[in-house]
């Protein structure tokens, strides 16, 4: 009996596009801000309180300080 000639058919190469993903890419990526949280110092709060004062939208010293602290700490 005669052997059949092995024929190989080439499949067209799949086009690689920017939408190609892998299982690793489909996992949630942690937020950078949560990983590298900045420590807010009194000096940072004082600078922001002064900026509020200069802008003319603030109140007295204590109100500016509290507002600056809330803005920076995200409270």
Protein backbone atom coordinates (compact mmCIF):
# COMPACT_ATOMS: atom_id res chain seq x y z
CA UNK A 1 0.00 0.00 0.00
CA UNK A 2 1.30 3.42 -0.89
CA UNK A 3 1.94 6.03 1.76
CA UNK A 4 0.10 9.29 1.48
CA UNK A 5 2.19 12.36 1.06
CA UNK A 6 2.09 14.52 4.14
CA UNK A 7 0.53 17.80 3.27
CA UNK A 8 0.73 20.69 5.60
CA UNK A 9 -1.60 23.56 5.29
CA UNK A 10 -0.43 26.81 6.70
CA UNK A 11 -2.96 28.85 8.56
CA UNK A 12 -2.84 32.57 7.95
CA UNK A 13 -0.90 34.34 10.65
CA UNK A 14 -3.18 35.95 13.18
CA UNK A 15 -2.79 39.68 13.16
CA UNK A 16 -1.57 40.99 16.47
CA UNK A 17 -3.36 44.15 17.45
CA UNK A 18 -3.43 46.38 20.48
CA UNK A 19 -6.54 44.56 21.71
CA UNK A 20 -4.71 41.29 22.26
CA UNK A 21 -4.74 40.43 25.93
CA UNK A 22 -3.55 37.72 28.23
CA UNK A 23 -5.05 36.41 31.47
CA UNK A 24 -2.61 38.55 33.41
CA UNK A 25 -3.85 41.74 31.72
CA UNK A 26 -7.46 40.87 32.51
CA UNK A 27 -6.89 40.94 36.25
CA UNK A 28 -7.68 44.10 38.20
CA UNK A 29 -4.75 46.45 38.53
CA UNK A 30 -4.33 47.91 42.04
CA UNK A 31 -4.60 51.65 42.38
CA UNK A 32 -1.24 53.37 42.60
CA UNK A 33 -2.49 55.90 45.14
CA UNK A 34 -3.41 53.14 47.59
CA UNK A 35 0.02 51.54 47.30
CA UNK A 36 2.03 54.74 47.69
CA UNK A 37 0.03 56.91 50.04
CA UNK A 38 1.70 60.24 50.76
CA UNK A 39 2.07 61.35 54.35
CA UNK A 40 0.50 64.77 54.86
CA UNK A 41 2.55 66.99 57.17
CA UNK A 42 1.58 70.16 59.02
CA UNK A 43 3.78 72.08 56.59
CA UNK A 44 1.71 70.78 53.65
CA UNK A 45 -1.49 71.84 55.41
CA UNK A 46 -0.04 75.27 56.22
CA UNK A 47 0.91 75.86 52.58
CA UNK A 48 -2.56 74.88 51.37
CA UNK A 49 -4.23 77.00 54.09
CA UNK A 50 -2.16 79.98 52.93
CA UNK A 51 -3.19 79.32 49.32
CA UNK A 52 -6.84 79.34 50.43
CA UNK A 53 -6.24 82.60 52.31
CA UNK A 54 -4.59 84.26 49.31
CA UNK A 55 -7.39 83.14 46.98
CA UNK A 56 -9.88 85.12 49.07
CA UNK A 57 -12.36 82.23 49.24
CA UNK A 58 -11.49 81.17 52.77
CA UNK A 59 -12.52 82.32 56.19
CA UNK A 60 -10.45 82.85 59.30
CA UNK A 61 -7.20 81.02 60.08
CA UNK A 62 -8.84 78.01 61.72
CA UNK A 63 -11.42 77.58 58.95
CA UNK A 64 -8.67 77.73 56.32
CA UNK A 65 -6.62 75.16 58.23
CA UNK A 66 -9.55 72.77 58.59
CA UNK A 67 -10.48 73.16 54.91
CA UNK A 68 -6.87 72.56 53.83
CA UNK A 69 -6.62 69.51 56.05
CA UNK A 70 -9.84 68.06 54.64
CA UNK A 71 -8.73 68.65 51.06
CA UNK A 72 -5.30 67.09 51.54
CA UNK A 73 -6.32 64.14 53.70
CA UNK A 74 -9.50 63.46 51.73
CA UNK A 75 -11.72 63.49 54.80
